[in-house]
């Protein structure tokens, strides 16, 4: 019985070691985009993020119109978005 317990423990250790190795080999998580800037001209906004490996988009809180968002993009890509009516009350970046 002691011998069986020892083998079970060895199998459990080997399984844990293999599982741990697979976790260590998993790709690292994406870095959230940073260094985001935009330029505004009346109702048009153009912007980008400079760093990271995730994605970003620009969200506009439009005055007297539905809010607008740009397409999701990777850092170093310029995106644009504009309010259909009026100027944006606020401009923010969303990241993932």
N, C-alpha and C. Protein backbone atom coordinates (compact mmCIF):
# COMPACT_ATOMS: atom_id res chain seq x y z
N UNK A 1 0.83 -1.19 0.00
CA UNK A 1 0.00 0.00 0.00
C UNK A 1 0.87 1.25 0.00
N UNK A 2 1.92 1.23 0.76
CA UNK A 2 2.81 2.38 0.81
C UNK A 2 3.44 2.62 -0.57
N UNK A 3 3.78 1.54 -1.26
CA UNK A 3 4.37 1.64 -2.58
C UNK A 3 3.39 2.29 -3.57
N UNK A 4 2.13 1.94 -3.52
CA UNK A 4 1.10 2.50 -4.39
C UNK A 4 0.93 3.99 -4.11
N UNK A 5 0.92 4.36 -2.85
CA UNK A 5 0.79 5.75 -2.47
C UNK A 5 1.96 6.57 -3.00
N UNK A 6 3.14 5.98 -2.95
CA UNK A 6 4.32 6.65 -3.45
C UNK A 6 4.21 6.87 -4.96
N UNK A 7 3.72 5.86 -5.69
CA UNK A 7 3.55 5.99 -7.13
C UNK A 7 2.50 7.05 -7.45
N UNK A 8 1.41 7.06 -6.70
CA UNK A 8 0.37 8.07 -6.91
C UNK A 8 0.92 9.47 -6.69
N UNK A 9 1.73 9.61 -5.67
CA UNK A 9 2.35 10.91 -5.39
C UNK A 9 3.29 11.32 -6.50
N UNK A 10 4.04 10.35 -7.04
CA UNK A 10 4.96 10.64 -8.14
C UNK A 10 4.18 11.05 -9.38
N UNK A 11 3.07 10.36 -9.67
CA UNK A 11 2.24 10.71 -10.82
C UNK A 11 1.65 12.10 -10.64
N UNK A 12 1.19 12.40 -9.43
CA UNK A 12 0.62 13.72 -9.15
C UNK A 12 1.67 14.81 -9.34
N UNK A 13 2.89 14.55 -8.87
CA UNK A 13 3.97 15.52 -9.03
C UNK A 13 4.31 15.72 -10.51
N UNK A 14 4.37 14.64 -11.26
CA UNK A 14 4.69 14.73 -12.69
C UNK A 14 3.60 15.50 -13.43
N UNK A 15 2.34 15.24 -13.07
CA UNK A 15 1.23 15.94 -13.70
C UNK A 15 1.29 17.43 -13.37
N UNK A 16 1.54 17.76 -12.11
CA UNK A 16 1.63 19.16 -11.70
C UNK A 16 2.79 19.86 -12.41
N UNK A 17 3.92 19.17 -12.56
CA UNK A 17 5.07 19.75 -13.24
C UNK A 17 4.75 20.01 -14.71
N UNK A 18 4.09 19.07 -15.36
CA UNK A 18 3.73 19.24 -16.77
C UNK A 18 2.73 20.38 -16.94
N UNK A 19 1.76 20.47 -16.03
CA UNK A 19 0.76 21.53 -16.09
C UNK A 19 1.42 22.89 -15.87
N UNK A 20 2.32 22.95 -14.91
CA UNK A 20 3.05 24.20 -14.64
C UNK A 20 3.88 24.63 -15.83
N UNK A 21 4.50 23.67 -16.51
CA UNK A 21 5.31 23.99 -17.69
C UNK A 21 4.42 24.54 -18.80
N UNK A 22 3.22 24.00 -18.94
CA UNK A 22 2.33 24.50 -19.99
C UNK A 22 1.85 25.92 -19.67
N UNK A 23 1.68 26.22 -18.39
CA UNK A 23 1.30 27.58 -18.01
C UNK A 23 2.44 28.56 -18.28
N UNK A 24 3.66 28.12 -18.02
CA UNK A 24 4.81 28.98 -18.24
C UNK A 24 5.00 29.27 -19.73
N UNK A 25 4.59 28.35 -20.59
CA UNK A 25 4.76 28.52 -22.03
C UNK A 25 3.63 29.34 -22.66
N UNK A 26 2.58 29.64 -21.89
CA UNK A 26 1.45 30.40 -22.43
C UNK A 26 1.91 31.80 -22.80
N UNK A 27 1.35 32.39 -23.87
CA UNK A 27 1.75 33.74 -24.27
C UNK A 27 1.36 34.76 -23.22
N UNK A 28 2.14 35.83 -23.13
CA UNK A 28 1.85 36.85 -22.13
C UNK A 28 0.62 37.65 -22.54
N UNK A 29 -0.01 38.27 -21.56
CA UNK A 29 -1.21 39.06 -21.81
C UNK A 29 -0.85 40.30 -22.63
N UNK A 30 -1.83 40.79 -23.38
CA UNK A 30 -1.58 41.99 -24.18
C UNK A 30 -1.47 43.21 -23.28
N UNK A 31 -0.59 44.12 -23.65
CA UNK A 31 -0.43 45.35 -22.90
C UNK A 31 -1.48 46.35 -23.35
N UNK A 32 -2.10 47.01 -22.42
CA UNK A 32 -3.14 48.00 -22.72
C UNK A 32 -2.49 49.17 -23.46
N UNK A 33 -3.12 49.67 -24.53
CA UNK A 33 -2.57 50.81 -25.25
C UNK A 33 -2.39 52.03 -24.34
N UNK A 34 -1.35 52.80 -24.62
CA UNK A 34 -1.07 53.99 -23.83
C UNK A 34 -0.54 55.11 -24.72
N UNK A 35 -0.29 56.25 -24.13
CA UNK A 35 0.20 57.40 -24.89
C UNK A 35 -0.80 57.87 -25.93
N UNK A 36 -2.09 57.84 -25.57
CA UNK A 36 -3.15 58.16 -26.52
C UNK A 36 -3.36 59.67 -26.61
N UNK A 37 -3.45 60.17 -27.84
CA UNK A 37 -3.67 61.60 -28.07
C UNK A 37 -4.68 61.78 -29.19
N UNK A 38 -5.33 62.94 -29.20
CA UNK A 38 -6.28 63.23 -30.26
C UNK A 38 -6.21 64.70 -30.65
N UNK A 39 -6.73 65.00 -31.84
CA UNK A 39 -6.87 66.36 -32.33
C UNK A 39 -8.34 66.56 -32.68
N UNK A 40 -8.87 67.69 -32.26
CA UNK A 40 -10.30 67.97 -32.49
C UNK A 40 -10.45 69.18 -33.40
N UNK A 41 -11.34 69.06 -34.37
CA UNK A 41 -11.67 70.18 -35.25
C UNK A 41 -13.19 70.19 -35.40
N UNK A 42 -13.84 71.10 -34.69
CA UNK A 42 -15.30 71.17 -34.64
C UNK A 42 -15.89 69.82 -34.19
N UNK A 43 -16.58 69.11 -35.07
CA UNK A 43 -17.19 67.83 -34.65
C UNK A 43 -16.34 66.63 -35.01
N UNK A 44 -15.20 66.83 -35.68
CA UNK A 44 -14.31 65.73 -36.08
C UNK A 44 -13.19 65.52 -35.07
N UNK A 45 -12.89 64.26 -34.78
CA UNK A 45 -11.79 63.91 -33.88
C UNK A 45 -10.94 62.85 -34.55
N UNK A 46 -9.62 63.07 -34.55
CA UNK A 46 -8.66 62.10 -35.08
C UNK A 46 -7.69 61.79 -33.95
N UNK A 47 -7.37 60.51 -33.74
CA UNK A 47 -6.47 60.16 -32.66
C UNK A 47 -5.77 58.83 -32.86
N UNK A 48 -4.80 58.58 -31.97
CA UNK A 48 -4.06 57.33 -31.98
C UNK A 48 -3.49 57.07 -30.59
N UNK A 49 -3.03 55.85 -30.38
CA UNK A 49 -2.27 55.49 -29.18
C UNK A 49 -0.89 55.06 -29.65
N UNK A 50 0.15 55.36 -28.88
CA UNK A 50 1.52 55.11 -29.31
C UNK A 50 2.10 53.80 -28.83
N UNK A 51 1.65 53.30 -27.69
CA UNK A 51 2.28 52.11 -27.11
C UNK A 51 1.25 51.03 -26.82
N UNK A 52 1.75 49.83 -26.50
CA UNK A 52 0.89 48.71 -26.13
C UNK A 52 0.66 47.77 -27.29
N UNK A 53 -0.05 46.68 -27.00
CA UNK A 53 -0.32 45.69 -28.05
C UNK A 53 -1.80 45.31 -28.09
N UNK A 54 -2.61 45.97 -27.30
CA UNK A 54 -4.05 45.69 -27.32
C UNK A 54 -4.72 46.52 -28.40
N UNK A 55 -5.96 46.94 -28.14
CA UNK A 55 -6.70 47.76 -29.09
C UNK A 55 -7.32 48.96 -28.37
N UNK A 56 -7.64 49.99 -29.14
CA UNK A 56 -8.27 51.19 -28.59
C UNK A 56 -9.33 51.69 -29.57
N UNK A 57 -10.22 52.53 -29.06
CA UNK A 57 -11.14 53.27 -29.91
C UNK A 57 -11.46 54.58 -29.21
N UNK A 58 -11.95 55.54 -29.98
CA UNK A 58 -12.31 56.85 -29.44
C UNK A 58 -13.83 56.90 -29.28
N UNK A 59 -14.27 57.39 -28.13
CA UNK A 59 -15.70 57.55 -27.86
C UNK A 59 -16.00 59.05 -27.70
N UNK A 60 -17.04 59.49 -28.41
CA UNK A 60 -17.48 60.87 -28.31
C UNK A 60 -18.84 60.93 -27.63
N UNK A 61 -18.96 61.81 -26.65
CA UNK A 61 -20.25 62.12 -26.04
C UNK A 61 -20.78 63.32 -26.82
N UNK A 62 -21.64 63.06 -27.79
CA UNK A 62 -22.10 64.10 -28.71
C UNK A 62 -23.26 64.90 -28.11
N UNK A 63 -23.22 66.20 -28.32
CA UNK A 63 -24.25 67.11 -27.86
C UNK A 63 -25.44 67.04 -28.81
N UNK A 64 -26.64 66.76 -28.29
CA UNK A 64 -27.87 66.69 -29.08
C UNK A 64 -27.87 65.59 -30.15
N UNK A 65 -27.10 64.53 -29.94
CA UNK A 65 -27.04 63.41 -30.90
C UNK A 65 -26.55 62.17 -30.17
N UNK A 66 -26.77 60.98 -30.74
CA UNK A 66 -26.26 59.76 -30.11
C UNK A 66 -24.73 59.77 -30.03
N UNK A 67 -24.20 59.13 -28.99
CA UNK A 67 -22.75 59.02 -28.85
C UNK A 67 -22.19 58.23 -30.03
N UNK A 68 -20.95 58.52 -30.38
CA UNK A 68 -20.29 57.85 -31.50
C UNK A 68 -18.97 57.24 -31.03
N UNK A 69 -18.60 56.11 -31.64
CA UNK A 69 -17.30 55.50 -31.37
C UNK A 69 -16.62 55.18 -32.69
N UNK A 70 -15.30 55.24 -32.67
CA UNK A 70 -14.53 54.86 -33.85
C UNK A 70 -14.43 53.34 -33.91
N UNK A 71 -13.79 52.84 -34.93
CA UNK A 71 -13.52 51.40 -35.02
C UNK A 71 -12.42 51.06 -34.02
N UNK A 72 -12.34 49.78 -33.62
CA UNK A 72 -11.23 49.32 -32.78
C UNK A 72 -9.98 49.30 -33.64
N UNK A 73 -8.86 49.76 -33.10
CA UNK A 73 -7.60 49.80 -33.85
C UNK A 73 -6.43 49.45 -32.95
N UNK A 74 -5.33 49.07 -33.56
CA UNK A 74 -4.10 48.78 -32.83
C UNK A 74 -3.31 50.08 -32.67
N UNK A 75 -2.43 50.14 -31.66
CA UNK A 75 -1.60 51.33 -31.48
C UNK A 75 -0.83 51.68 -32.77
N UNK A 76 -0.56 52.95 -32.94
CA UNK A 76 0.14 53.53 -34.09
C UNK A 76 -0.73 53.63 -35.33
N UNK A 77 -2.03 53.32 -35.21
CA UNK A 77 -2.98 53.48 -36.31
C UNK A 77 -3.86 54.69 -35.97
N UNK A 78 -4.04 55.58 -36.94
CA UNK A 78 -4.90 56.75 -36.74
C UNK A 78 -6.35 56.36 -37.00
N UNK A 79 -7.25 56.81 -36.13
CA UNK A 79 -8.69 56.58 -36.33
C UNK A 79 -9.40 57.93 -36.27
N UNK A 80 -10.56 57.99 -36.89
CA UNK A 80 -11.33 59.23 -36.85
C UNK A 80 -12.79 58.91 -36.57
N UNK A 81 -13.47 59.88 -35.99
CA UNK A 81 -14.89 59.75 -35.66
C UNK A 81 -15.45 61.17 -35.55
N UNK A 82 -16.74 61.32 -35.83
CA UNK A 82 -17.33 62.65 -35.69
C UNK A 82 -18.78 62.55 -35.24
N UNK A 83 -19.23 63.60 -34.58
CA UNK A 83 -20.62 63.70 -34.15
C UNK A 83 -21.46 64.08 -35.36
N UNK A 84 -22.64 63.49 -35.47
CA UNK A 84 -23.52 63.81 -36.59
C UNK A 84 -24.08 65.22 -36.49
N UNK A 85 -24.37 65.65 -35.26
CA UNK A 85 -24.92 66.98 -35.02
C UNK A 85 -24.19 67.58 -33.83
N UNK A 86 -23.82 68.83 -33.91
CA UNK A 86 -23.18 69.49 -32.79
C UNK A 86 -21.76 69.01 -32.55
N UNK A 87 -21.18 69.53 -31.48
CA UNK A 87 -19.80 69.19 -31.14
C UNK A 87 -19.77 68.21 -29.97
N UNK A 88 -18.69 67.44 -29.83
CA UNK A 88 -18.59 66.52 -28.70
C UNK A 88 -18.47 67.26 -27.37
N UNK A 89 -19.24 66.80 -26.37
CA UNK A 89 -19.12 67.35 -25.02
C UNK A 89 -17.88 66.81 -24.34
N UNK A 90 -17.58 65.52 -24.62
CA UNK A 90 -16.37 64.92 -24.05
C UNK A 90 -15.82 63.88 -25.03
N UNK A 91 -14.52 63.64 -24.91
CA UNK A 91 -13.80 62.70 -25.77
C UNK A 91 -13.01 61.78 -24.86
N UNK A 92 -13.15 60.47 -25.08
CA UNK A 92 -12.40 59.52 -24.25
C UNK A 92 -11.90 58.36 -25.10
N UNK A 93 -10.90 57.66 -24.58
CA UNK A 93 -10.36 56.46 -25.22
C UNK A 93 -10.83 55.24 -24.45
N UNK A 94 -11.25 54.21 -25.16
CA UNK A 94 -11.57 52.91 -24.56
C UNK A 94 -10.50 51.94 -25.03
N UNK A 95 -10.05 51.07 -24.13
CA UNK A 95 -9.00 50.12 -24.49
C UNK A 95 -9.40 48.71 -24.13
N UNK A 96 -8.80 47.76 -24.83
CA UNK A 96 -9.00 46.34 -24.50
C UNK A 96 -7.79 45.55 -24.92
